[in-house]
Amino acid sequence: MKIKVLYFASVKEKLGRNAEDVEVPAGIATVAALRAHLGSRGGAYAEVFSENKLIKAAVNEDMVAATAPIKAGDEVAFFPPVTGG
């Protein structure tokens, strides 16, 4: 299945891109599984999506938990947590 993945703030800076279309292998059906899949690419992806990094996610512009399902055509956004000043 194909989904659109958006990157914001430091995630975007580290990956050097703000978006990409990703062909997701069969069996990847949640935000957490997508995150693990992206991290398996290695390099900057492995750093950004490592299990010890706190990353927020949204599916189709709605904030979601890591267990949220994803499906073909979804737009998934990843961004760091925001702190106030």
N, C-alpha and C. Protein backbone atom coordinates (compact mmCIF):
# COMPACT_ATOMS: atom_id res chain seq x y z
N MET A 1 0.85 -1.18 0.00
CA MET A 1 0.00 0.00 0.00
C MET A 1 0.88 1.23 0.00
N LYS A 2 0.37 2.29 -0.55
CA LYS A 2 1.12 3.54 -0.64
C LYS A 2 0.50 4.57 0.30
N ILE A 3 1.37 5.26 1.06
CA ILE A 3 0.93 6.34 1.94
C ILE A 3 1.86 7.54 1.75
N LYS A 4 1.38 8.69 2.16
CA LYS A 4 2.19 9.91 2.14
C LYS A 4 2.70 10.13 3.55
N VAL A 5 4.02 10.33 3.70
CA VAL A 5 4.61 10.56 5.00
C VAL A 5 5.18 11.98 5.01
N LEU A 6 4.80 12.75 6.03
CA LEU A 6 5.26 14.12 6.19
C LEU A 6 6.19 14.20 7.40
N TYR A 7 7.22 15.04 7.29
CA TYR A 7 8.17 15.23 8.39
C TYR A 7 8.22 16.71 8.75
N PHE A 8 8.27 17.00 10.05
CA PHE A 8 8.26 18.38 10.52
C PHE A 8 9.40 18.64 11.51
N ALA A 9 9.80 19.91 11.60
CA ALA A 9 10.77 20.42 12.56
C ALA A 9 12.08 19.63 12.50
N SER A 10 12.59 19.18 13.64
CA SER A 10 13.91 18.52 13.66
C SER A 10 13.90 17.21 12.89
N VAL A 11 12.75 16.54 12.78
CA VAL A 11 12.66 15.31 11.99
C VAL A 11 12.96 15.65 10.53
N LYS A 12 12.34 16.70 10.04
CA LYS A 12 12.56 17.16 8.67
C LYS A 12 14.02 17.55 8.45
N GLU A 13 14.58 18.27 9.41
CA GLU A 13 15.98 18.71 9.28
C GLU A 13 16.94 17.53 9.22
N LYS A 14 16.74 16.54 10.08
CA LYS A 14 17.65 15.39 10.11
C LYS A 14 17.53 14.51 8.87
N LEU A 15 16.32 14.40 8.34
CA LEU A 15 16.12 13.55 7.16
C LEU A 15 16.38 14.29 5.85
N GLY A 16 16.38 15.62 5.90
CA GLY A 16 16.65 16.40 4.71
C GLY A 16 15.52 16.42 3.71
N ARG A 17 14.31 16.16 4.19
CA ARG A 17 13.13 16.19 3.32
C ARG A 17 11.90 16.47 4.17
N ASN A 18 10.87 17.01 3.54
CA ASN A 18 9.65 17.31 4.30
C ASN A 18 8.53 16.32 4.02
N ALA A 19 8.66 15.50 2.97
CA ALA A 19 7.60 14.54 2.65
C ALA A 19 8.13 13.50 1.67
N GLU A 20 7.45 12.38 1.64
CA GLU A 20 7.73 11.35 0.64
C GLU A 20 6.55 10.40 0.55
N ASP A 21 6.40 9.80 -0.62
CA ASP A 21 5.43 8.73 -0.79
C ASP A 21 6.15 7.44 -0.47
N VAL A 22 5.54 6.62 0.38
CA VAL A 22 6.18 5.38 0.83
C VAL A 22 5.31 4.20 0.44
N GLU A 23 5.92 3.23 -0.20
CA GLU A 23 5.26 1.96 -0.50
C GLU A 23 5.51 1.07 0.73
N VAL A 24 4.45 0.81 1.47
CA VAL A 24 4.56 0.08 2.74
C VAL A 24 4.36 -1.41 2.48
N PRO A 25 5.29 -2.23 2.97
CA PRO A 25 5.15 -3.68 2.77
C PRO A 25 3.93 -4.24 3.49
N ALA A 26 3.46 -5.37 3.03
CA ALA A 26 2.34 -6.06 3.68
C ALA A 26 2.70 -6.33 5.13
N GLY A 27 1.71 -6.26 5.98
CA GLY A 27 1.93 -6.53 7.40
C GLY A 27 2.18 -5.29 8.24
N ILE A 28 2.42 -4.16 7.59
CA ILE A 28 2.62 -2.91 8.33
C ILE A 28 1.26 -2.22 8.38
N ALA A 29 0.65 -2.22 9.57
CA ALA A 29 -0.72 -1.74 9.67
C ALA A 29 -0.94 -0.72 10.76
N THR A 30 0.13 -0.33 11.49
CA THR A 30 -0.01 0.66 12.55
C THR A 30 1.08 1.72 12.41
N VAL A 31 0.90 2.82 13.11
CA VAL A 31 1.91 3.88 13.13
C VAL A 31 3.22 3.33 13.68
N ALA A 32 3.17 2.53 14.73
CA ALA A 32 4.39 1.96 15.31
C ALA A 32 5.12 1.08 14.32
N ALA A 33 4.40 0.27 13.57
CA ALA A 33 5.03 -0.59 12.57
C ALA A 33 5.64 0.24 11.44
N LEU A 34 4.96 1.32 11.06
CA LEU A 34 5.50 2.21 10.04
C LEU A 34 6.79 2.86 10.54
N ARG A 35 6.77 3.31 11.77
CA ARG A 35 7.95 3.92 12.36
C ARG A 35 9.13 2.94 12.36
N ALA A 36 8.88 1.69 12.75
CA ALA A 36 9.93 0.68 12.75
C ALA A 36 10.44 0.42 11.32
N HIS A 37 9.52 0.38 10.37
CA HIS A 37 9.89 0.18 8.96
C HIS A 37 10.79 1.32 8.48
N LEU A 38 10.41 2.54 8.78
CA LEU A 38 11.22 3.69 8.36
C LEU A 38 12.59 3.64 9.02
N GLY A 39 12.64 3.31 10.30
CA GLY A 39 13.91 3.21 11.02
C GLY A 39 14.83 2.14 10.45
N SER A 40 14.24 1.10 9.86
CA SER A 40 15.05 0.01 9.30
C SER A 40 15.80 0.44 8.04
N ARG A 41 15.50 1.62 7.54
CA ARG A 41 16.23 2.13 6.37
C ARG A 41 17.68 2.47 6.72
N GLY A 42 17.96 2.64 8.00
CA GLY A 42 19.32 2.96 8.43
C GLY A 42 19.63 4.44 8.35
N GLY A 43 20.86 4.79 8.63
CA GLY A 43 21.32 6.17 8.55
C GLY A 43 20.51 7.11 9.41
N ALA A 44 20.16 8.26 8.84
CA ALA A 44 19.39 9.26 9.57
C ALA A 44 18.02 8.72 9.99
N TYR A 45 17.44 7.84 9.18
CA TYR A 45 16.14 7.26 9.53
C TYR A 45 16.25 6.44 10.82
N ALA A 46 17.32 5.66 10.95
CA ALA A 46 17.52 4.85 12.15
C ALA A 46 17.66 5.74 13.37
N GLU A 47 18.34 6.87 13.21
CA GLU A 47 18.51 7.80 14.33
C GLU A 47 17.18 8.45 14.71
N VAL A 48 16.48 8.97 13.74
CA VAL A 48 15.22 9.68 14.00
C VAL A 48 14.16 8.76 14.59
N PHE A 49 14.06 7.54 14.06
CA PHE A 49 12.99 6.63 14.47
C PHE A 49 13.43 5.56 15.46
N SER A 50 14.56 5.75 16.13
CA SER A 50 14.99 4.77 17.13
C SER A 50 13.95 4.70 18.25
N GLU A 51 13.88 3.56 18.89
CA GLU A 51 12.85 3.34 19.91
C GLU A 51 12.95 4.29 21.09
N ASN A 52 14.14 4.81 21.36
CA ASN A 52 14.28 5.70 22.51
C ASN A 52 14.01 7.16 22.19
N LYS A 53 13.67 7.47 20.95
CA LYS A 53 13.33 8.85 20.56
C LYS A 53 11.82 9.07 20.68
N LEU A 54 11.45 10.18 21.30
CA LEU A 54 10.04 10.52 21.42
C LEU A 54 9.62 11.26 20.15
N ILE A 55 8.72 10.65 19.41
CA ILE A 55 8.20 11.23 18.16
C ILE A 55 6.68 11.17 18.23
N LYS A 56 6.05 12.27 17.91
CA LYS A 56 4.59 12.32 17.84
C LYS A 56 4.16 11.98 16.42
N ALA A 57 2.91 11.54 16.29
CA ALA A 57 2.39 11.19 14.96
C ALA A 57 0.95 11.66 14.81
N ALA A 58 0.60 11.92 13.56
CA ALA A 58 -0.78 12.26 13.20
C ALA A 58 -1.12 11.47 11.95
N VAL A 59 -2.34 10.99 11.88
CA VAL A 59 -2.84 10.32 10.68
C VAL A 59 -4.00 11.15 10.15
N ASN A 60 -3.86 11.58 8.91
CA ASN A 60 -4.88 12.42 8.28
C ASN A 60 -5.24 13.62 9.17
N GLU A 61 -4.18 14.24 9.71
CA GLU A 61 -4.25 15.47 10.51
C GLU A 61 -4.85 15.30 11.90
N ASP A 62 -5.02 14.06 12.36
CA ASP A 62 -5.50 13.80 13.72
C ASP A 62 -4.37 13.17 14.52
N MET A 63 -4.07 13.73 15.69
CA MET A 63 -3.06 13.15 16.58
C MET A 63 -3.48 11.74 16.94
N VAL A 64 -2.52 10.81 16.93
CA VAL A 64 -2.84 9.40 17.21
C VAL A 64 -1.77 8.77 18.08
N ALA A 65 -2.13 7.66 18.69
CA ALA A 65 -1.18 6.84 19.44
C ALA A 65 -0.44 5.94 18.46
N ALA A 66 0.64 5.35 18.94
CA ALA A 66 1.45 4.46 18.10
C ALA A 66 0.67 3.25 17.61
N THR A 67 -0.37 2.89 18.33
CA THR A 67 -1.17 1.72 17.96
C THR A 67 -2.23 2.03 16.90
N ALA A 68 -2.33 3.28 16.48
CA ALA A 68 -3.35 3.67 15.50
C ALA A 68 -3.13 2.95 14.18
N PRO A 69 -4.21 2.51 13.55
CA PRO A 69 -4.08 1.83 12.26
C PRO A 69 -3.77 2.80 11.13
N ILE A 70 -3.12 2.29 10.10
CA ILE A 70 -2.91 3.06 8.87
C ILE A 70 -3.41 2.22 7.71
N LYS A 71 -3.83 2.93 6.64
CA LYS A 71 -4.33 2.23 5.47
C LYS A 71 -3.88 2.97 4.22
N ALA A 72 -4.02 2.34 3.09
CA ALA A 72 -3.62 2.93 1.82
C ALA A 72 -4.25 4.30 1.66
N GLY A 73 -3.45 5.25 1.18
CA GLY A 73 -3.93 6.59 0.92
C GLY A 73 -3.85 7.53 2.11
N ASP A 74 -3.50 7.00 3.29
CA ASP A 74 -3.40 7.86 4.48
C ASP A 74 -2.22 8.81 4.34
N GLU A 75 -2.30 9.90 5.11
CA GLU A 75 -1.21 10.85 5.25
C GLU A 75 -0.76 10.76 6.70
N VAL A 76 0.49 10.35 6.91
CA VAL A 76 1.03 10.18 8.26
C VAL A 76 2.12 11.22 8.47
N ALA A 77 2.01 11.98 9.54
CA ALA A 77 2.99 13.01 9.84
C ALA A 77 3.75 12.64 11.11
N PHE A 78 5.05 12.89 11.10
CA PHE A 78 5.91 12.67 12.27
C PHE A 78 6.57 13.97 12.66
N PHE A 79 6.61 14.24 13.96
CA PHE A 79 7.21 15.47 14.45
C PHE A 79 7.63 15.29 15.90
N PRO A 80 8.61 16.10 16.34
CA PRO A 80 9.04 15.99 17.73
C PRO A 80 8.00 16.59 18.65
N PRO A 81 8.05 16.20 19.94
CA PRO A 81 7.12 16.83 20.89
C PRO A 81 7.44 18.32 20.98
N VAL A 82 6.43 19.10 21.23
CA VAL A 82 6.60 20.56 21.31
C VAL A 82 6.58 20.97 22.77
N THR A 83 7.52 21.84 23.13
CA THR A 83 7.55 22.36 24.48
C THR A 83 7.30 23.85 24.45
N GLY A 84 6.64 24.32 25.46
CA GLY A 84 6.35 25.75 25.56
C GLY A 84 7.52 26.50 26.17
N GLY A 85 7.51 27.82 26.02
CA GLY A 85 8.63 28.59 26.55
C GLY A 85 8.18 29.68 27.35
